[in-house]
C-alpha atoms as a PDB file:
ATOM      1  CA  MET A   1      18.671  37.295 254.266  1.00  0.00           C
ATOM      2  CA  LYS A   2      21.518  37.423 256.779  1.00  0.00           C
ATOM      3  CA  LYS A   3      23.697  40.494 257.234  1.00  0.00           C
ATOM      4  CA  TRP A   4      27.398  40.312 257.984  1.00  0.00           C
ATOM      5  CA  GLN A   5      29.579  43.216 259.142  1.00  0.00           C
ATOM      6  CA  CYS A   6      33.324  43.539 258.615  1.00  0.00           C
ATOM      7  CA  LEU A   7      34.998  44.234 261.946  1.00  0.00           C
ATOM      8  CA  VAL A   8      37.798  46.149 260.228  1.00  0.00           C
ATOM      9  CA  CYS A   9      35.971  48.678 258.031  1.00  0.00           C
ATOM     10  CA  ASN A  10      32.246  48.165 258.907  1.00  0.00           C
ATOM     11  CA  TYR A  11      31.253  47.066 255.395  1.00  0.00           C
ATOM     12  CA  VAL A  12      27.918  45.200 255.514  1.00  0.00           C
ATOM     13  CA  HIS A  13      27.358  42.163 253.320  1.00  0.00           C
ATOM     14  CA  GLU A  14      24.000  40.496 252.716  1.00  0.00           C
ATOM     15  CA  GLY A  15      23.954  36.743 252.072  1.00  0.00           C
ATOM     16  CA  ASP A  16      23.791  33.346 253.655  1.00  0.00           C
ATOM     17  CA  GLU A  17      27.535  33.424 254.302  1.00  0.00           C
ATOM     18  CA  PRO A  18      30.087  36.236 254.674  1.00  0.00           C
ATOM     19  CA  PRO A  19      32.241  36.925 251.603  1.00  0.00           C
ATOM     20  CA  GLU A  20      35.603  35.194 251.323  1.00  0.00           C
ATOM     21  CA  LYS A  21      37.226  38.620 251.281  1.00  0.00           C
ATOM     22  CA  CYS A  22      35.880  42.063 252.187  1.00  0.00           C
ATOM     23  CA  PRO A  23      35.475  44.045 248.943  1.00  0.00           C
ATOM     24  CA  VAL A  24      36.303  47.287 250.774  1.00  0.00           C
ATOM     25  CA  CYS A  25      39.342  46.558 252.967  1.00  0.00           C
ATOM     26  CA  GLY A  26      40.398  43.075 251.859  1.00  0.00           C
ATOM     27  CA  ALA A  27      39.897  41.390 255.245  1.00  0.00           C
ATOM     28  CA  ASP A  28      39.169  37.651 255.100  1.00  0.00           C
ATOM     29  CA  LYS A  29      35.827  36.113 256.104  1.00  0.00           C
ATOM     30  CA  SER A  30      36.989  35.468 259.674  1.00  0.00           C
ATOM     31  CA  LYS A  31      36.713  39.227 260.307  1.00  0.00           C
ATOM     32  CA  PHE A  32      32.947  39.210 259.605  1.00  0.00           C
ATOM     33  CA  VAL A  33      30.285  38.860 262.294  1.00  0.00           C
ATOM     34  CA  GLU A  34      26.596  38.316 261.779  1.00  0.00           C
ATOM     35  CA  ILE A  35      24.352  41.267 262.580  1.00  0.00           C
ATOM     36  CA  LYS A  36      21.449  40.017 264.643  1.00  0.00           C
ATOM     37  CA  ASN A  37      19.269  43.102 264.181  1.00  0.00           C
ATOM     38  CA  ASP A  38      18.946  46.111 261.892  1.00  0.00           C
ATOM     39  CA  ASP A  39      21.188  48.330 264.030  1.00  0.00           C
ATOM     40  CA  VAL A  40      24.572  48.388 262.315  1.00  0.00           C
ATOM     41  CA  SER A  41      27.279  49.009 264.885  1.00  0.00           C
ATOM     42  CA  GLN A  42      29.372  52.128 264.445  1.00  0.00           C
ATOM     43  CA  GLU A  43      31.685  51.183 267.301  1.00  0.00           C
ATOM     44  CA  LYS A  44      34.829  50.937 265.174  1.00  0.00           C
ATOM     45  CA  THR A  45      34.291  54.093 263.142  1.00  0.00           C
ATOM     46  CA  ASP A  46      33.756  56.362 266.138  1.00  0.00           C
ATOM     47  CA  HIS A  47      36.930  55.623 268.121  1.00  0.00           C
ATOM     48  CA  ALA A  48      38.122  59.226 268.315  1.00  0.00           C
ATOM     49  CA  ASP A  49      34.816  60.423 269.805  1.00  0.00           C
ATOM     50  CA  ARG A  50      34.412  57.664 272.399  1.00  0.00           C
ATOM     51  CA  PRO A  51      35.197  58.488 276.046  1.00  0.00           C
ATOM     52  CA  ASP A  52      37.187  55.242 276.345  1.00  0.00           C
ATOM     53  CA  PHE A  53      39.342  56.037 273.304  1.00  0.00           C
ATOM     54  CA  GLN A  54      42.948  55.133 274.047  1.00  0.00           C
ATOM     55  CA  PRO A  55      45.766  56.347 271.779  1.00  0.00           C
ATOM     56  CA  GLU A  56      48.508  53.863 271.006  1.00  0.00           C
ATOM     57  CA  SER A  57      51.037  55.778 273.122  1.00  0.00           C
ATOM     58  CA  GLY A  58      50.916  56.676 276.799  1.00  0.00           C
ATOM     59  CA  SER A  59      52.165  60.194 276.081  1.00  0.00           C
ATOM     60  CA  SER A  60      49.468  62.763 276.772  1.00  0.00           C
ATOM     61  CA  LEU A  61      50.829  65.082 274.078  1.00  0.00           C
ATOM     62  CA  TYR A  62      50.839  62.278 271.514  1.00  0.00           C
ATOM     63  CA  GLY A  63      47.354  61.255 272.628  1.00  0.00           C
ATOM     64  CA  THR A  64      46.097  64.804 272.079  1.00  0.00           C
ATOM     65  CA  ILE A  65      47.665  64.921 268.630  1.00  0.00           C
ATOM     66  CA  VAL A  66      46.130  61.574 267.665  1.00  0.00           C
ATOM     67  CA  ARG A  67      42.703  62.582 268.973  1.00  0.00           C
ATOM     68  CA  GLN A  68      42.772  65.843 267.003  1.00  0.00           C
ATOM     69  CA  MET A  69      44.024  64.148 263.844  1.00  0.00           C
ATOM     70  CA  MET A  70      41.206  61.613 264.015  1.00  0.00           C
ATOM     71  CA  LYS A  71      38.584  64.203 264.871  1.00  0.00           C
ATOM     72  CA  HIS A  72      39.546  66.505 261.992  1.00  0.00           C
ATOM     73  CA  HIS A  73      40.200  63.745 259.409  1.00  0.00           C
ATOM     74  CA  ALA A  74      43.870  64.613 258.956  1.00  0.00           C
ATOM     75  CA  HIS A  75      44.612  61.781 256.547  1.00  0.00           C
ATOM     76  CA  PRO A  76      41.808  62.328 254.004  1.00  0.00           C
ATOM     77  CA  VAL A  77      42.596  66.060 254.074  1.00  0.00           C
ATOM     78  CA  SER A  78      46.392  65.781 253.778  1.00  0.00           C
ATOM     79  CA  VAL A  79      46.297  63.131 251.036  1.00  0.00           C
ATOM     80  CA  HIS A  80      44.560  65.590 248.713  1.00  0.00           C
ATOM     81  CA  VAL A  81      47.850  67.505 248.338  1.00  0.00           C
ATOM     82  CA  PRO A  82      49.912  64.783 246.593  1.00  0.00           C
ATOM     83  CA  ASN A  83      46.854  63.314 244.856  1.00  0.00           C
ATOM     84  CA  GLY A  84      46.080  66.723 243.379  1.00  0.00           C
ATOM     85  CA  VAL A  85      49.618  67.831 242.563  1.00  0.00           C
ATOM     86  CA  ILE A  86      51.026  64.569 241.131  1.00  0.00           C
ATOM     87  CA  PRO A  87      48.742  64.451 238.036  1.00  0.00           C
ATOM     88  CA  VAL A  88      49.625  68.071 237.258  1.00  0.00           C
ATOM     89  CA  SER A  89      53.339  67.379 237.684  1.00  0.00           C
ATOM     90  CA  VAL A  90      53.211  64.304 235.425  1.00  0.00           C
ATOM     91  CA  LEU A  91      51.198  66.221 232.824  1.00  0.00           C
ATOM     92  CA  PHE A  92      53.805  68.993 232.833  1.00  0.00           C
ATOM     93  CA  VAL A  93      56.614  66.466 232.405  1.00  0.00           C
ATOM     94  CA  PHE A  94      54.953  64.797 229.431  1.00  0.00           C
ATOM     95  CA  LEU A  95      54.128  68.137 227.794  1.00  0.00           C
ATOM     96  CA  ALA A  96      57.726  69.241 228.370  1.00  0.00           C
ATOM     97  CA  ALA A  97      58.962  66.015 226.750  1.00  0.00           C
ATOM     98  CA  ILE A  98      56.628  66.334 223.771  1.00  0.00           C
ATOM     99  CA  PHE A  99      57.015  70.043 223.061  1.00  0.00           C
ATOM    100  CA  ASN A 100      60.507  70.542 224.516  1.00  0.00           C
ATOM    101  CA  ILE A 101      59.356  73.257 226.938  1.00  0.00           C
ATOM    102  CA  THR A 102      61.938  73.704 229.676  1.00  0.00           C
ATOM    103  CA  GLY A 103      59.627  75.845 231.815  1.00  0.00           C
ATOM    104  CA  LEU A 104      57.107  73.016 232.173  1.00  0.00           C
ATOM    105  CA  SER A 105      59.846  70.614 233.246  1.00  0.00           C
ATOM    106  CA  GLN A 106      60.938  73.108 235.895  1.00  0.00           C
ATOM    107  CA  ALA A 107      57.343  73.562 237.056  1.00  0.00           C
ATOM    108  CA  ALA A 108      56.991  69.786 237.425  1.00  0.00           C
ATOM    109  CA  PHE A 109      60.180  69.767 239.500  1.00  0.00           C
ATOM    110  CA  TYR A 110      58.781  72.341 241.943  1.00  0.00           C
ATOM    111  CA  ASN A 111      55.472  70.492 242.128  1.00  0.00           C
ATOM    112  CA  LEU A 112      57.323  67.317 243.095  1.00  0.00           C
ATOM    113  CA  ILE A 113      59.064  69.191 245.907  1.00  0.00           C
ATOM    114  CA  VAL A 114      55.596  70.049 247.270  1.00  0.00           C
ATOM    115  CA  VAL A 115      54.623  66.370 246.985  1.00  0.00           C
ATOM    116  CA  LEU A 116      57.744  65.190 248.814  1.00  0.00           C
ATOM    117  CA  ILE A 117      57.267  67.742 251.597  1.00  0.00           C
ATOM    118  CA  SER A 118      53.647  66.647 252.066  1.00  0.00           C
ATOM    119  CA  MET A 119      54.323  62.897 252.182  1.00  0.00           C
ATOM    120  CA  PRO A 120      55.585  62.626 255.801  1.00  0.00           C
ATOM    121  CA  LEU A 121      52.283  64.080 257.059  1.00  0.00           C
ATOM    122  CA  VAL A 122      50.309  61.875 254.658  1.00  0.00           C
ATOM    123  CA  ILE A 123      52.112  58.724 255.812  1.00  0.00           C
ATOM    124  CA  PHE A 124      51.953  59.591 259.518  1.00  0.00           C
ATOM    125  CA  SER A 125      48.262  60.568 259.410  1.00  0.00           C
ATOM    126  CA  GLY A 126      47.564  57.386 257.433  1.00  0.00           C
ATOM    127  CA  TYR A 127      49.332  55.341 260.101  1.00  0.00           C
ATOM    128  CA  VAL A 128      47.332  57.035 262.869  1.00  0.00           C
ATOM    129  CA  GLU A 129      44.042  56.380 261.064  1.00  0.00           C
ATOM    130  CA  TRP A 130      44.968  52.778 260.242  1.00  0.00           C
ATOM    131  CA  LYS A 131      45.903  52.008 263.862  1.00  0.00           C
ATOM    132  CA  ASN A 132      43.052  53.837 265.573  1.00  0.00           C
ATOM    133  CA  LYS A 133      40.155  53.531 263.127  1.00  0.00           C
ATOM    134  CA  TYR A 134      40.896  50.149 261.559  1.00  0.00           C
ATOM    135  CA  GLY A 135      42.644  48.482 264.484  1.00  0.00           C
ATOM    136  CA  GLY A 136      45.965  48.133 262.665  1.00  0.00           C
ATOM    137  CA  HIS A 137      44.694  45.136 260.693  1.00  0.00           C
ATOM    138  CA  LEU A 138      47.162  44.399 257.909  1.00  0.00           C
ATOM    139  CA  THR A 139      44.663  43.298 255.265  1.00  0.00           C
ATOM    140  CA  GLN A 140      45.427  43.058 251.548  1.00  0.00           C
ATOM    141  CA  ASN A 141      44.098  46.527 250.746  1.00  0.00           C
ATOM    142  CA  PHE A 142      45.986  48.169 253.585  1.00  0.00           C
ATOM    143  CA  ILE A 143      49.204  46.467 252.448  1.00  0.00           C
ATOM    144  CA  ILE A 144      48.619  47.849 248.943  1.00  0.00           C
ATOM    145  CA  LYS A 145      47.826  51.313 250.287  1.00  0.00           C
ATOM    146  CA  ILE A 146      50.923  51.427 252.501  1.00  0.00           C
ATOM    147  CA  THR A 147      53.112  50.133 249.651  1.00  0.00           C
ATOM    148  CA  CYS A 148      51.708  52.784 247.301  1.00  0.00           C
ATOM    149  CA  GLY A 149      52.532  55.541 249.804  1.00  0.00           C
ATOM    150  CA  ILE A 150      56.130  54.317 250.018  1.00  0.00           C
ATOM    151  CA  VAL A 151      56.385  54.053 246.215  1.00  0.00           C
ATOM    152  CA  VAL A 152      55.074  57.608 245.733  1.00  0.00           C
ATOM    153  CA  THR A 153      57.590  58.954 248.260  1.00  0.00           C
ATOM    154  CA  LEU A 154      60.544  57.076 246.718  1.00  0.00           C
ATOM    155  CA  CYS A 155      59.592  58.042 243.150  1.00  0.00           C
ATOM    156  CA  ALA A 156      59.219  61.717 244.070  1.00  0.00           C
ATOM    157  CA  PHE A 157      62.604  61.645 245.828  1.00  0.00           C
ATOM    158  CA  ILE A 158      64.324  59.934 242.878  1.00  0.00           C
ATOM    159  CA  LEU A 159      62.798  62.317 240.329  1.00  0.00           C
ATOM    160  CA  ILE A 160      63.744  65.406 242.336  1.00  0.00           C
ATOM    161  CA  ILE A 161      67.342  64.288 242.835  1.00  0.00           C
ATOM    162  CA  TRP A 162      67.620  63.201 239.195  1.00  0.00           C
ATOM    163  CA  HIS A 163      66.276  66.494 237.870  1.00  0.00           C
ATOM    164  CA  ALA A 164      68.414  68.539 240.285  1.00  0.00           C
ATOM    165  CA  ALA A 165      71.553  66.677 239.219  1.00  0.00           C
ATOM    166  CA  ASN A 166      70.678  66.839 235.522  1.00  0.00           C
ATOM    167  CA  PRO A 167      68.172  69.556 234.503  1.00  0.00           C
ATOM    168  CA  GLU A 168      68.366  68.221 230.921  1.00  0.00           C
ATOM    169  CA  VAL A 169      67.140  64.776 232.001  1.00  0.00           C
ATOM    170  CA  LEU A 170      64.299  64.852 229.448  1.00  0.00           C
ATOM    171  CA  THR A 171      66.912  65.056 226.740  1.00  0.00           C
ATOM    172  CA  SER A 172      69.439  62.544 228.038  1.00  0.00           C
ATOM    173  CA  SER A 173      67.202  59.993 229.828  1.00  0.00           C
ATOM    174  CA  LYS A 174      63.671  60.810 228.744  1.00  0.00           C
ATOM    175  CA  TRP A 175      62.033  57.371 228.749  1.00  0.00           C
ATOM    176  CA  PRO A 176      63.256  56.094 232.157  1.00  0.00           C
ATOM    177  CA  PHE A 177      62.366  59.465 233.680  1.00  0.00           C
ATOM    178  CA  LEU A 178      58.855  59.368 232.187  1.00  0.00           C
ATOM    179  CA  PHE A 179      58.419  55.764 233.291  1.00  0.00           C
ATOM    180  CA  ILE A 180      59.143  56.614 236.928  1.00  0.00           C
ATOM    181  CA  ASN A 181      56.626  59.445 236.658  1.00  0.00           C
ATOM    182  CA  LEU A 182      54.007  56.952 235.480  1.00  0.00           C
ATOM    183  CA  ILE A 183      54.815  54.561 238.340  1.00  0.00           C
ATOM    184  CA  MET A 184      54.355  57.418 240.818  1.00  0.00           C
ATOM    185  CA  LEU A 185      51.052  58.440 239.204  1.00  0.00           C
ATOM    186  CA  GLY A 186      49.794  54.848 239.207  1.00  0.00           C
ATOM    187  CA  ALA A 187      50.711  54.345 242.869  1.00  0.00           C
ATOM    188  CA  ALA A 188      48.960  57.572 243.871  1.00  0.00           C
ATOM    189  CA  GLY A 189      45.894  56.564 241.869  1.00  0.00           C
ATOM    190  CA  ALA A 190      45.764  53.076 243.417  1.00  0.00           C
ATOM    191  CA  ALA A 191      46.086  54.465 246.949  1.00  0.00           C
ATOM    192  CA  GLY A 192      43.371  57.017 246.233  1.00  0.00           C
ATOM    193  CA  PHE A 193      41.070  54.343 244.808  1.00  0.00           C
ATOM    194  CA  ILE A 194      41.426  52.146 247.903  1.00  0.00           C
ATOM    195  CA  GLY A 195      41.012  55.159 250.163  1.00  0.00           C
ATOM    196  CA  GLY A 196      37.788  56.031 248.357  1.00  0.00           C
ATOM    197  CA  LYS A 197      36.469  52.503 248.888  1.00  0.00           C
ATOM    198  CA  LEU A 198      37.206  52.749 252.610  1.00  0.00           C
ATOM    199  CA  VAL A 199      35.406  56.085 252.893  1.00  0.00           C
ATOM    200  CA  PHE A 200      32.366  55.325 250.748  1.00  0.00           C
ATOM    201  CA  LYS A 201      32.191  51.517 251.344  1.00  0.00           C
ATOM    202  CA  ASP A 202      31.611  50.912 247.603  1.00  0.00           C
END
């Protein structure tokens, strides 16, 4: 049985032909190469540790930042903040809407501020990892992941401004407000799901 390796994410497929699309990163079959022996190359996953690693900018300071971010897994670490806080915030909003508890609505508002503050680091660290670990390949799954990050940021911004302008939003505009919360939660979940596939190659 032949083995084929995705040049973008290192997923290994067994079969006579490579898959039409990588189930991990979404790259098409042209990004697969046949593995001629049992040694699966780790060349693309170890960029930050290679002596010939070149950051995308000529700036030595930027290069140091990129190297450290890659070495210490800045994106998987930073993304845990919004992915952990968003479900709690949405839960608080729905409980506030159901039981008319103003304190929970206020707590959700503060949680969303934490999410919005964390998103620039999440997006930047994601960009660094995408460019330097995955070669900047704009495959289907990376397009989805990037879009989800933008959607989460925009939803959090809209919800914060809306709640700040109208603290009684759950009374006056409950259903649109809850709907945007669900969009934000769904986008965070989708990005997390794709990120998990990239990490665990499942």
